[in-house]
Amino acid sequence: MKRKHATIVVRLAGAGLALVFLWLTYRYFDGEELLRQLYLLFQRPDTLAWMLIIYGASFWLRALAWKSYVGKPISLIVYAKGIFFSLLINHIAPFKVGDIARVAVLAKQKDVSVDEAIHSVAVMRLLDMLVLCLLSAWGMYAYVHRFPAINATVIGVVGIIGVCAIAILLLRKSDVEWIRKHYHMIKSALRGRRGVYMVSMIALSWLCEAVVIYEMTNTLGMSLTFLESAWVNSITVSGQVFQIAPGGLGTYEAVMAFAITRIVPDWSGAYMAAMMTHAFKFAFSYLVGIAVLFMSPRDISFVWAAWKKGREKR
């Protein structure tokens, strides 16, 4: 029942963001300008190649972190393949079910059980969210003066409410085991040099992904700094927990446009930057995902199984 309620809340939030996106589209969409900006981008092949290389590198860095956690003599290509399959599926299915492919690809390897595969993917997701939350929190602190409706008092009240909510969850017996389990998972993952290495690789991967936003916004003349772009990226990706359409279509643009306008008060430019950035990521996901499928045709069954799972969740 609790899971059902959580699902309802996520979908309602996603629907709300989708409505915001539709309003932004009605207000700011300009097809001719979008095509013109895309044309100008393709006139800069050096910038486009740089974005492709660095964005691609972000996934290899996550593969390195995943490989380090599993700690078995398995080729890095296996981990990268699982991540690229996951990326493709998340841009096909309406909800985030790509991790099924990551589990399936790893579980088919020698000496790796399904439980081990599920556990490792869960830890990687937890570390992803930990890094993204830290980056998001840093940005909120750094740019708090750009949110007119937010001041120190509001932040303090929200903080107190958050602490109380966590305390209530801890006091409920049905939630204690779940929290304890994930706490131990994170604690184990962060222990020693391996933990430092994994967190560093994941943090660096998200910084690499921010390069896309940095280049897109600067191409449009918005002049975001790299650190500002990293914050916008962390907020945008975090918002994809509310994904209700393939690739987070709608939710991605709404959250990213809002984040950018906290720095540059230009909704039209922010909307255009969000559209172009998401279009780039969609194209990358399909091109790389399909290429990996052609190189590993036997793994198509994993993608198909995950797709069917995504349809069942509608």
Protein backbone atom coordinates (compact mmCIF):
# COMPACT_ATOMS: atom_id res chain seq x y z
CA MET A 1 0.00 0.00 0.00
CA LYS A 2 2.81 2.39 0.87
CA ARG A 3 4.52 1.71 -2.44
CA LYS A 4 1.23 2.38 -4.22
CA HIS A 5 0.85 5.72 -2.44
CA ALA A 6 4.44 6.65 -3.27
CA THR A 7 3.80 5.79 -6.92
CA ILE A 8 0.71 7.98 -6.97
CA VAL A 9 2.64 10.91 -5.49
CA VAL A 10 5.47 10.48 -8.04
CA ARG A 11 3.04 10.34 -10.95
CA LEU A 12 1.07 13.34 -9.74
CA ALA A 13 4.29 15.34 -9.41
CA GLY A 14 5.36 14.16 -12.86
CA ALA A 15 2.00 15.18 -14.30
CA GLY A 16 2.37 18.61 -12.69
CA LEU A 17 5.80 19.07 -14.27
CA ALA A 18 4.42 17.90 -17.61
CA LEU A 19 1.74 20.59 -17.40
CA VAL A 20 4.43 23.18 -16.69
CA PHE A 21 6.28 21.95 -19.78
CA LEU A 22 3.13 22.26 -21.89
CA TRP A 23 2.65 25.83 -20.66
CA LEU A 24 6.29 26.66 -21.45
CA THR A 25 5.87 25.13 -24.89
CA TYR A 26 2.74 27.19 -25.54
CA ARG A 27 4.46 30.33 -24.30
CA TYR A 28 7.98 30.01 -25.68
CA PHE A 29 8.21 27.37 -28.41
CA ASP A 30 9.58 28.74 -31.68
CA GLY A 31 10.16 26.03 -34.28
CA GLU A 32 12.12 28.24 -36.66
CA GLU A 33 14.44 29.45 -33.91
CA LEU A 34 14.98 25.91 -32.66
CA LEU A 35 15.94 24.72 -36.14
CA ARG A 36 18.22 27.72 -36.56
CA GLN A 37 20.04 27.02 -33.31
CA LEU A 38 20.42 23.34 -34.18
CA TYR A 39 21.81 24.35 -37.58
CA LEU A 40 24.32 26.68 -35.90
CA LEU A 41 25.32 23.89 -33.53
CA PHE A 42 26.05 21.56 -36.44
CA GLN A 43 28.18 24.31 -37.93
CA ARG A 44 30.48 23.82 -34.94
CA PRO A 45 31.59 20.18 -35.31
CA ASP A 46 34.44 20.67 -32.82
CA THR A 47 32.01 21.66 -30.07
CA LEU A 48 29.62 18.86 -31.00
CA ALA A 49 32.44 16.28 -30.96
CA TRP A 50 33.68 17.59 -27.59
CA MET A 51 30.19 17.23 -26.13
CA LEU A 52 29.81 13.69 -27.49
CA ILE A 53 33.19 12.57 -26.14
CA ILE A 54 32.79 14.05 -22.66
CA TYR A 55 29.16 12.96 -22.33
CA GLY A 56 30.13 9.45 -23.42
CA ALA A 57 33.02 9.47 -20.94
CA SER A 58 30.58 10.13 -18.10
CA PHE A 59 29.05 6.67 -18.60
CA TRP A 60 32.44 4.96 -18.73
CA LEU A 61 33.31 6.61 -15.41
CA ARG A 62 30.14 5.14 -13.88
CA ALA A 63 31.09 1.78 -15.35
CA LEU A 64 34.48 2.06 -13.61
CA ALA A 65 32.75 2.77 -10.28
CA TRP A 66 30.39 -0.18 -10.77
CA LYS A 67 33.24 -2.52 -11.68
CA SER A 68 35.16 -1.43 -8.59
CA TYR A 69 32.19 -2.20 -6.34
CA VAL A 70 31.53 -5.66 -7.78
CA GLY A 71 35.25 -6.44 -7.54
CA LYS A 72 35.28 -9.43 -9.89
CA PRO A 73 37.43 -10.09 -12.99
CA ILE A 74 34.75 -8.96 -15.45
CA SER A 75 35.53 -6.76 -18.44
CA LEU A 76 34.71 -3.07 -18.16
CA ILE A 77 32.84 -3.43 -21.44
CA VAL A 78 30.21 -5.58 -19.68
CA TYR A 79 29.46 -2.80 -17.21
CA ALA A 80 29.42 -0.14 -19.94
CA LYS A 81 27.10 -2.28 -22.03
CA GLY A 82 24.68 -2.62 -19.12
CA ILE A 83 24.70 1.13 -18.58
CA PHE A 84 24.12 1.91 -22.27
CA PHE A 85 21.28 -0.63 -22.43
CA SER A 86 19.77 1.03 -19.37
CA LEU A 87 20.09 4.44 -21.00
CA LEU A 88 18.33 3.25 -24.15
CA ILE A 89 15.47 1.64 -22.25
CA ASN A 90 14.92 4.69 -20.08
CA HIS A 91 14.47 6.68 -23.30
CA ILE A 92 11.94 4.16 -24.66
CA ALA A 93 9.88 3.14 -21.63
CA PRO A 94 7.66 5.73 -19.90
CA PHE A 95 9.13 4.95 -16.48
CA LYS A 96 12.66 4.29 -15.27
CA VAL A 97 13.04 0.53 -15.73
CA GLY A 98 16.46 0.55 -17.38
CA ASP A 99 18.13 -0.91 -14.31
CA ILE A 100 16.53 -4.23 -15.20
CA ALA A 101 18.92 -4.40 -18.15
CA ARG A 102 21.90 -3.57 -15.94
CA VAL A 103 20.97 -6.40 -13.59
CA ALA A 104 20.39 -8.84 -16.46
CA VAL A 105 23.69 -8.07 -18.21
CA LEU A 106 25.71 -8.48 -15.02
CA ALA A 107 23.80 -11.51 -13.73
CA LYS A 108 24.59 -13.50 -16.88
CA GLN A 109 28.31 -13.28 -16.09
CA LYS A 110 30.12 -16.17 -14.46
CA ASP A 111 30.11 -16.23 -10.64
CA VAL A 112 27.60 -13.37 -10.36
CA SER A 113 24.20 -14.15 -8.85
CA VAL A 114 21.03 -12.20 -9.53
CA ASP A 115 21.03 -10.98 -5.91
CA GLU A 116 24.58 -9.70 -6.28
CA ALA A 117 23.69 -7.92 -9.50
CA ILE A 118 20.60 -6.29 -7.97
CA HIS A 119 22.56 -5.27 -4.89
CA SER A 120 25.37 -3.67 -6.92
CA VAL A 121 22.96 -1.72 -9.14
CA ALA A 122 21.08 -0.50 -6.05
CA VAL A 123 24.32 0.71 -4.46
CA MET A 124 25.32 2.54 -7.64
CA ARG A 125 21.94 4.26 -7.72
CA LEU A 126 22.25 5.23 -4.07
CA LEU A 127 25.70 6.72 -4.69
CA ASP A 128 24.37 8.56 -7.74
CA MET A 129 21.62 10.12 -5.67
CA LEU A 130 24.02 10.93 -2.83
CA VAL A 131 26.34 12.84 -5.17
CA LEU A 132 23.44 14.57 -6.94
CA CYS A 133 21.87 15.59 -3.63
CA LEU A 134 25.16 17.04 -2.42
CA LEU A 135 25.61 19.01 -5.65
CA SER A 136 22.00 20.18 -5.51
CA ALA A 137 22.27 21.24 -1.88
CA TRP A 138 25.49 23.13 -2.58
CA GLY A 139 23.82 24.96 -5.44
CA MET A 140 20.77 25.85 -3.36
CA TYR A 141 23.10 27.37 -0.78
CA ALA A 142 25.23 29.15 -3.39
CA TYR A 143 22.30 30.54 -5.36
CA VAL A 144 19.76 30.98 -2.56
CA HIS A 145 19.75 34.74 -3.06
CA ARG A 146 18.41 34.16 -6.58
CA PHE A 147 15.22 32.58 -5.21
CA PRO A 148 13.09 35.56 -4.13
CA ALA A 149 10.63 33.33 -2.28
CA ILE A 150 13.30 31.59 -0.27
CA ASN A 151 15.10 33.00 2.74
CA ALA A 152 16.97 31.63 5.72
CA THR A 153 13.78 31.28 7.79
CA VAL A 154 12.05 29.23 5.12
CA ILE A 155 15.10 27.01 4.72
CA GLY A 156 15.23 26.50 8.48
CA VAL A 157 11.55 25.54 8.65
CA VAL A 158 11.91 23.14 5.73
CA GLY A 159 14.98 21.64 7.40
CA ILE A 160 13.11 21.08 10.68
CA ILE A 161 10.20 19.48 8.83
CA GLY A 162 12.64 17.23 6.97
CA VAL A 163 14.33 16.11 10.20
CA CYS A 164 10.94 15.40 11.79
CA ALA A 165 9.85 13.40 8.75
CA ILE A 166 13.00 11.29 8.90
CA ALA A 167 12.52 10.77 12.65
CA ILE A 168 8.94 9.58 12.08
CA LEU A 169 10.12 7.13 9.44
CA LEU A 170 12.78 5.80 11.79
CA LEU A 171 10.23 5.28 14.55
CA ARG A 172 7.95 3.22 12.32
CA LYS A 173 8.94 -0.41 12.65
CA SER A 174 7.93 -1.25 9.10
CA ASP A 175 10.48 1.25 7.76
CA VAL A 176 13.37 0.56 10.11
CA GLU A 177 14.56 -2.57 8.33
CA TRP A 178 14.47 -0.86 4.91
CA ILE A 179 16.44 2.15 6.20
CA ARG A 180 18.94 -0.05 8.05
CA LYS A 181 19.50 -2.21 4.97
CA HIS A 182 20.25 0.76 2.71
CA TYR A 183 22.34 2.46 5.36
CA HIS A 184 24.58 -0.58 5.60
CA MET A 185 24.76 -0.78 1.80
CA ILE A 186 26.02 2.79 1.56
CA LYS A 187 28.35 2.38 4.55
CA SER A 188 29.89 -0.72 3.00
CA ALA A 189 30.28 0.97 -0.38
CA LEU A 190 31.96 4.06 1.07
CA ARG A 191 34.46 2.18 3.22
CA GLY A 192 38.19 2.76 2.58
CA ARG A 193 40.00 3.73 -0.60
CA ARG A 194 37.52 1.88 -2.78
CA GLY A 195 34.73 4.10 -1.49
CA VAL A 196 36.73 7.26 -2.21
CA TYR A 197 37.50 5.95 -5.69
CA MET A 198 33.86 5.11 -6.47
CA VAL A 199 32.48 8.42 -5.20
CA SER A 200 35.19 10.28 -7.14
CA MET A 201 34.34 8.45 -10.37
CA ILE A 202 30.61 9.09 -9.93
CA ALA A 203 31.11 12.75 -9.04
CA LEU A 204 33.41 13.21 -12.02
CA SER A 205 30.84 11.51 -14.27
CA TRP A 206 28.16 14.02 -13.31
CA LEU A 207 30.58 16.88 -13.86
CA CYS A 208 31.28 15.48 -17.33
CA GLU A 209 27.56 15.38 -18.04
CA ALA A 210 27.31 19.03 -17.03
CA VAL A 211 29.56 19.90 -19.98
CA VAL A 212 26.55 19.42 -22.29
CA ILE A 213 24.53 22.05 -20.44
CA TYR A 214 27.54 24.36 -20.24
CA GLU A 215 28.14 24.23 -23.99
CA MET A 216 24.45 24.49 -24.92
CA THR A 217 23.76 27.50 -22.71
CA ASN A 218 26.89 29.28 -23.87
CA THR A 219 26.01 28.55 -27.49
CA LEU A 220 22.71 30.34 -26.81
CA GLY A 221 24.56 33.26 -25.21
CA MET A 222 23.43 32.57 -21.64
CA SER A 223 26.99 32.42 -20.28
CA LEU A 224 26.55 29.99 -17.39
CA THR A 225 29.76 29.09 -15.58
CA PHE A 226 30.75 25.44 -15.40
CA LEU A 227 29.83 25.22 -11.71
CA GLU A 228 26.44 26.75 -12.42
CA SER A 229 25.97 24.20 -15.20
CA ALA A 230 26.89 21.39 -12.81
CA TRP A 231 24.24 22.58 -10.38
CA VAL A 232 21.59 22.87 -13.09
CA ASN A 233 22.46 19.35 -14.24
CA SER A 234 22.21 17.90 -10.72
CA ILE A 235 18.81 19.52 -10.12
CA THR A 236 17.53 18.40 -13.53
CA VAL A 237 18.67 14.78 -13.19
CA SER A 238 17.34 14.58 -9.63
CA GLY A 239 13.98 15.72 -10.95
CA GLN A 240 13.80 12.68 -13.20
CA VAL A 241 12.54 10.56 -10.32
CA PHE A 242 9.19 11.99 -11.47
CA GLN A 243 9.61 10.65 -15.01
CA ILE A 244 6.28 9.69 -16.58
CA ALA A 245 7.30 9.78 -20.26
CA PRO A 246 10.18 8.22 -22.24
CA GLY A 247 13.46 9.86 -21.30
CA GLY A 248 11.70 12.14 -18.83
CA LEU A 249 10.23 14.15 -21.70
CA GLY A 250 8.52 17.20 -20.24
CA THR A 251 9.77 16.80 -16.68
CA TYR A 252 13.38 17.29 -17.84
CA GLU A 253 12.64 20.53 -19.69
CA ALA A 254 10.45 21.95 -16.92
CA VAL A 255 13.01 21.34 -14.15
CA MET A 256 15.99 22.48 -16.23
CA ALA A 257 14.27 25.67 -17.39
CA PHE A 258 13.36 26.50 -13.79
CA ALA A 259 16.93 25.87 -12.59
CA ILE A 260 18.50 27.99 -15.32
CA THR A 261 16.18 30.91 -14.65
CA ARG A 262 17.39 30.97 -11.04
CA ILE A 263 20.71 32.08 -12.54
CA VAL A 264 19.75 33.82 -15.78
CA PRO A 265 16.19 35.24 -15.70
CA ASP A 266 15.39 34.37 -19.29
CA TRP A 267 12.60 31.80 -19.61
CA SER A 268 12.69 31.79 -23.40
CA GLY A 269 16.43 31.06 -23.51
CA ALA A 270 16.18 28.55 -20.66
CA TYR A 271 13.40 26.68 -22.46
CA MET A 272 15.44 26.61 -25.68
CA ALA A 273 18.54 25.36 -23.82
CA ALA A 274 16.51 22.62 -22.14
CA MET A 275 15.00 21.52 -25.46
CA MET A 276 18.37 21.39 -27.23
CA THR A 277 20.13 19.65 -24.35
CA HIS A 278 17.44 17.00 -24.07
CA ALA A 279 17.38 16.49 -27.84
CA PHE A 280 21.14 15.90 -27.73
CA LYS A 281 20.76 13.32 -24.94
CA PHE A 282 17.91 11.56 -26.74
CA ALA A 283 19.99 11.29 -29.93
CA PHE A 284 23.00 10.01 -27.99
CA SER A 285 20.90 7.42 -26.13
CA TYR A 286 19.37 5.99 -29.30
CA LEU A 287 22.56 6.03 -31.38
CA VAL A 288 24.79 4.45 -28.72
CA GLY A 289 22.10 2.07 -27.47
CA ILE A 290 21.28 0.78 -30.95
CA ALA A 291 25.00 0.46 -31.77
CA VAL A 292 25.52 -1.67 -28.65
CA LEU A 293 22.53 -3.82 -29.60
CA PHE A 294 23.99 -4.48 -33.03
CA MET A 295 27.29 -5.47 -31.45
CA SER A 296 25.51 -7.73 -28.94
CA PRO A 297 22.40 -9.06 -30.73
CA ARG A 298 21.92 -11.83 -28.16
CA ASP A 299 21.21 -9.23 -25.51
CA ILE A 300 18.16 -7.88 -27.33
CA SER A 301 16.04 -10.22 -25.20
CA PHE A 302 17.08 -8.25 -22.11
CA VAL A 303 15.96 -4.99 -23.67
CA TRP A 304 12.67 -6.56 -24.76
CA ALA A 305 12.04 -7.94 -21.26
CA ALA A 306 12.69 -4.53 -19.72
CA TRP A 307 10.42 -2.87 -22.26
CA LYS A 308 7.58 -5.23 -21.40
CA LYS A 309 8.19 -4.56 -17.72
CA GLY A 310 7.89 -0.83 -18.40
CA ARG A 311 4.57 -1.33 -20.23
CA GLU A 312 3.23 -3.32 -17.28
CA LYS A 313 3.93 -0.38 -14.94
CA ARG A 314 1.72 2.01 -16.89
